[in-house]
C-alpha atoms as a PDB file:
ATOM      1  CA  MET A   1       3.624  -4.742 -18.195  1.00  0.00           C
ATOM      2  CA  GLU A   2       3.364  -1.336 -19.904  1.00  0.00           C
ATOM      3  CA  ILE A   3       0.015   0.458 -20.431  1.00  0.00           C
ATOM      4  CA  LYS A   4       0.024   0.341 -24.015  1.00  0.00           C
ATOM      5  CA  GLU A   5       0.679  -3.576 -23.891  1.00  0.00           C
ATOM      6  CA  ALA A   6      -2.076  -3.799 -21.378  1.00  0.00           C
ATOM      7  CA  GLN A   7      -4.359  -1.953 -23.632  1.00  0.00           C
ATOM      8  CA  GLN A   8      -3.259  -4.457 -26.772  1.00  0.00           C
ATOM      9  CA  GLN A   9      -3.669  -7.422 -24.478  1.00  0.00           C
ATOM     10  CA  VAL A  10      -7.108  -6.470 -23.365  1.00  0.00           C
ATOM     11  CA  ASP A  11      -8.284  -5.588 -26.811  1.00  0.00           C
ATOM     12  CA  HIS A  12      -6.798  -8.754 -28.132  1.00  0.00           C
ATOM     13  CA  TRP A  13      -8.880 -11.014 -25.541  1.00  0.00           C
ATOM     14  CA  ILE A  14     -12.192  -9.093 -26.182  1.00  0.00           C
ATOM     15  CA  LYS A  15     -11.753  -9.825 -29.861  1.00  0.00           C
ATOM     16  CA  THR A  16     -10.737 -13.383 -29.613  1.00  0.00           C
ATOM     17  CA  VAL A  17     -12.417 -14.777 -26.290  1.00  0.00           C
ATOM     18  CA  GLY A  18     -14.674 -12.185 -25.267  1.00  0.00           C
ATOM     19  CA  VAL A  19     -16.142 -12.244 -29.011  1.00  0.00           C
ATOM     20  CA  ARG A  20     -16.797  -8.080 -28.845  1.00  0.00           C
ATOM     21  CA  TYR A  21     -16.596  -5.183 -26.757  1.00  0.00           C
ATOM     22  CA  PHE A  22     -19.926  -4.321 -24.712  1.00  0.00           C
ATOM     23  CA  SER A  23     -21.318  -1.012 -25.817  1.00  0.00           C
ATOM     24  CA  GLU A  24     -19.502   1.977 -24.304  1.00  0.00           C
ATOM     25  CA  LEU A  25     -22.616   2.694 -22.039  1.00  0.00           C
ATOM     26  CA  THR A  26     -22.615  -0.649 -20.855  1.00  0.00           C
ATOM     27  CA  ASN A  27     -18.950  -0.859 -20.019  1.00  0.00           C
ATOM     28  CA  MET A  28     -19.453   2.666 -18.161  1.00  0.00           C
ATOM     29  CA  ALA A  29     -22.237   0.969 -16.028  1.00  0.00           C
ATOM     30  CA  ILE A  30     -19.917  -2.161 -15.319  1.00  0.00           C
ATOM     31  CA  LEU A  31     -16.933   0.339 -14.344  1.00  0.00           C
ATOM     32  CA  THR A  32     -19.548   1.857 -11.828  1.00  0.00           C
ATOM     33  CA  GLU A  33     -20.358  -1.830 -10.449  1.00  0.00           C
ATOM     34  CA  GLU A  34     -16.709  -2.460 -10.207  1.00  0.00           C
ATOM     35  CA  VAL A  35     -15.823   0.619  -8.436  1.00  0.00           C
ATOM     36  CA  GLY A  36     -18.507  -0.119  -5.917  1.00  0.00           C
ATOM     37  CA  GLU A  37     -17.194  -3.623  -5.378  1.00  0.00           C
ATOM     38  CA  LEU A  38     -13.977  -2.174  -4.555  1.00  0.00           C
ATOM     39  CA  ALA A  39     -15.471   0.560  -2.395  1.00  0.00           C
ATOM     40  CA  ARG A  40     -17.308  -2.128  -0.376  1.00  0.00           C
ATOM     41  CA  ILE A  41     -14.095  -4.248   0.287  1.00  0.00           C
ATOM     42  CA  MET A  42     -11.955  -1.003   1.017  1.00  0.00           C
ATOM     43  CA  ALA A  43     -14.864  -0.127   3.413  1.00  0.00           C
ATOM     44  CA  ARG A  44     -14.691  -3.226   5.268  1.00  0.00           C
ATOM     45  CA  LYS A  45     -11.031  -3.479   5.510  1.00  0.00           C
ATOM     46  CA  TYR A  46      -9.943  -0.080   6.184  1.00  0.00           C
ATOM     47  CA  GLY A  47     -13.302   1.661   7.261  1.00  0.00           C
ATOM     48  CA  ASP A  48     -15.671   1.008   9.907  1.00  0.00           C
ATOM     49  CA  GLN A  49     -17.924  -1.651   8.379  1.00  0.00           C
ATOM     50  CA  SER A  50     -17.510  -5.622   9.358  1.00  0.00           C
ATOM     51  CA  PHE A  51     -17.231  -8.017   6.714  1.00  0.00           C
ATOM     52  CA  LYS A  52     -20.265  -9.982   5.590  1.00  0.00           C
ATOM     53  CA  GLU A  53     -19.891 -13.527   4.965  1.00  0.00           C
ATOM     54  CA  SER A  54     -20.153 -13.004   1.515  1.00  0.00           C
ATOM     55  CA  ASP A  55     -17.582 -10.285   1.539  1.00  0.00           C
ATOM     56  CA  LYS A  56     -14.774 -12.388   3.204  1.00  0.00           C
ATOM     57  CA  ASN A  57     -13.083 -14.250   0.106  1.00  0.00           C
ATOM     58  CA  LYS A  58     -12.982 -11.206  -1.707  1.00  0.00           C
ATOM     59  CA  ASP A  59      -9.680 -10.132  -3.370  1.00  0.00           C
ATOM     60  CA  LEU A  60      -8.795  -6.449  -3.043  1.00  0.00           C
ATOM     61  CA  ALA A  61      -5.905  -6.661  -5.706  1.00  0.00           C
ATOM     62  CA  ASP A  62      -8.417  -8.798  -8.058  1.00  0.00           C
ATOM     63  CA  GLU A  63     -11.109  -5.894  -7.661  1.00  0.00           C
ATOM     64  CA  MET A  64      -8.651  -3.376  -8.445  1.00  0.00           C
ATOM     65  CA  ALA A  65      -7.682  -5.182 -11.448  1.00  0.00           C
ATOM     66  CA  ASP A  66     -11.327  -5.513 -12.409  1.00  0.00           C
ATOM     67  CA  VAL A  67     -11.685  -1.711 -12.364  1.00  0.00           C
ATOM     68  CA  LEU A  68      -8.631  -1.302 -14.259  1.00  0.00           C
ATOM     69  CA  TRP A  69      -9.734  -3.909 -17.027  1.00  0.00           C
ATOM     70  CA  VAL A  70     -12.952  -2.298 -17.862  1.00  0.00           C
ATOM     71  CA  LEU A  71     -11.172   1.363 -17.843  1.00  0.00           C
ATOM     72  CA  ILE A  72      -8.889  -0.039 -20.521  1.00  0.00           C
ATOM     73  CA  CYS A  73     -11.963  -1.374 -22.425  1.00  0.00           C
ATOM     74  CA  LEU A  74     -13.362   2.017 -22.441  1.00  0.00           C
ATOM     75  CA  ALA A  75      -9.979   3.736 -23.432  1.00  0.00           C
ATOM     76  CA  ASN A  76      -9.934   1.183 -26.365  1.00  0.00           C
ATOM     77  CA  GLN A  77     -13.318   1.794 -27.298  1.00  0.00           C
ATOM     78  CA  THR A  78     -13.093   5.614 -27.252  1.00  0.00           C
ATOM     79  CA  GLY A  79      -9.529   5.872 -28.773  1.00  0.00           C
ATOM     80  CA  VAL A  80      -7.702   7.189 -25.721  1.00  0.00           C
ATOM     81  CA  ASP A  81      -4.075   6.229 -25.302  1.00  0.00           C
ATOM     82  CA  LEU A  82      -3.856   5.670 -21.604  1.00  0.00           C
ATOM     83  CA  THR A  83      -0.250   6.091 -21.422  1.00  0.00           C
ATOM     84  CA  GLU A  84      -0.417   9.641 -23.337  1.00  0.00           C
ATOM     85  CA  ALA A  85      -3.503  10.449 -21.104  1.00  0.00           C
ATOM     86  CA  LEU A  86      -1.426   9.842 -17.973  1.00  0.00           C
ATOM     87  CA  VAL A  87       1.665  11.638 -18.975  1.00  0.00           C
ATOM     88  CA  LYS A  88      -0.546  14.678 -19.825  1.00  0.00           C
ATOM     89  CA  ASN A  89      -2.397  14.483 -16.556  1.00  0.00           C
ATOM     90  CA  PHE A  90       0.832  14.325 -14.641  1.00  0.00           C
ATOM     91  CA  GLU A  91       2.005  17.665 -16.658  1.00  0.00           C
ATOM     92  CA  LYS A  92      -1.265  19.179 -15.495  1.00  0.00           C
ATOM     93  CA  LYS A  93      -0.980  18.138 -11.873  1.00  0.00           C
ATOM     94  CA  ASN A  94       2.213  19.384 -11.516  1.00  0.00           C
ATOM     95  CA  ILE A  95       1.359  23.017 -13.136  1.00  0.00           C
ATOM     96  CA  ARG A  96      -1.917  23.048 -11.228  1.00  0.00           C
ATOM     97  CA  ASP A  97      -0.920  21.624  -7.911  1.00  0.00           C
ATOM     98  CA  ALA A  98       2.744  22.732  -7.890  1.00  0.00           C
ATOM     99  CA  ASN A  99       2.509  24.311  -4.262  1.00  0.00           C
ATOM    100  CA  ARG A 100      -1.179  23.354  -3.398  1.00  0.00           C
ATOM    101  CA  HIS A 101      -0.451  20.427  -1.404  1.00  0.00           C
ATOM    102  CA  LYS A 102       2.612  21.722   0.315  1.00  0.00           C
ATOM    103  CA  ASP A 103       0.989  24.794   1.621  1.00  0.00           C
ATOM    104  CA  ASN A 104      -2.326  22.821   2.820  1.00  0.00           C
ATOM    105  CA  GLU A 105      -2.193  23.318   6.697  1.00  0.00           C
ATOM    106  CA  LYS A 106      -4.571  20.372   6.580  1.00  0.00           C
ATOM    107  CA  LEU A 107      -1.494  18.118   5.353  1.00  0.00           C
ATOM    108  CA  LYS A 108       1.083  19.338   7.587  1.00  0.00           C
ATOM    109  CA  GLY A 109       2.332  17.322  10.831  1.00  0.00           C
END
């Protein structure tokens, strides 16, 4: 699925099943909550924390998809074309970081 298609499908779902978008501020709070849920799974799976019983059935991919869903909602609400934004972001990083990481001694070896 292309990003543009994902934005269209989320918009269609919101307008037909979800009734309407939550406010931008509410969706920003929800995005923060979803990132926190993703961080919780990452800390337990790849970090030093152990799983709580309530965390054992959490799906990493599903948590990432929740983050993406709400980010797409915010993009739709604010008129951001995520494909265009990502292309511009790559351009920015290619100029700004052309040698930054190659020259970083911390990343060598």
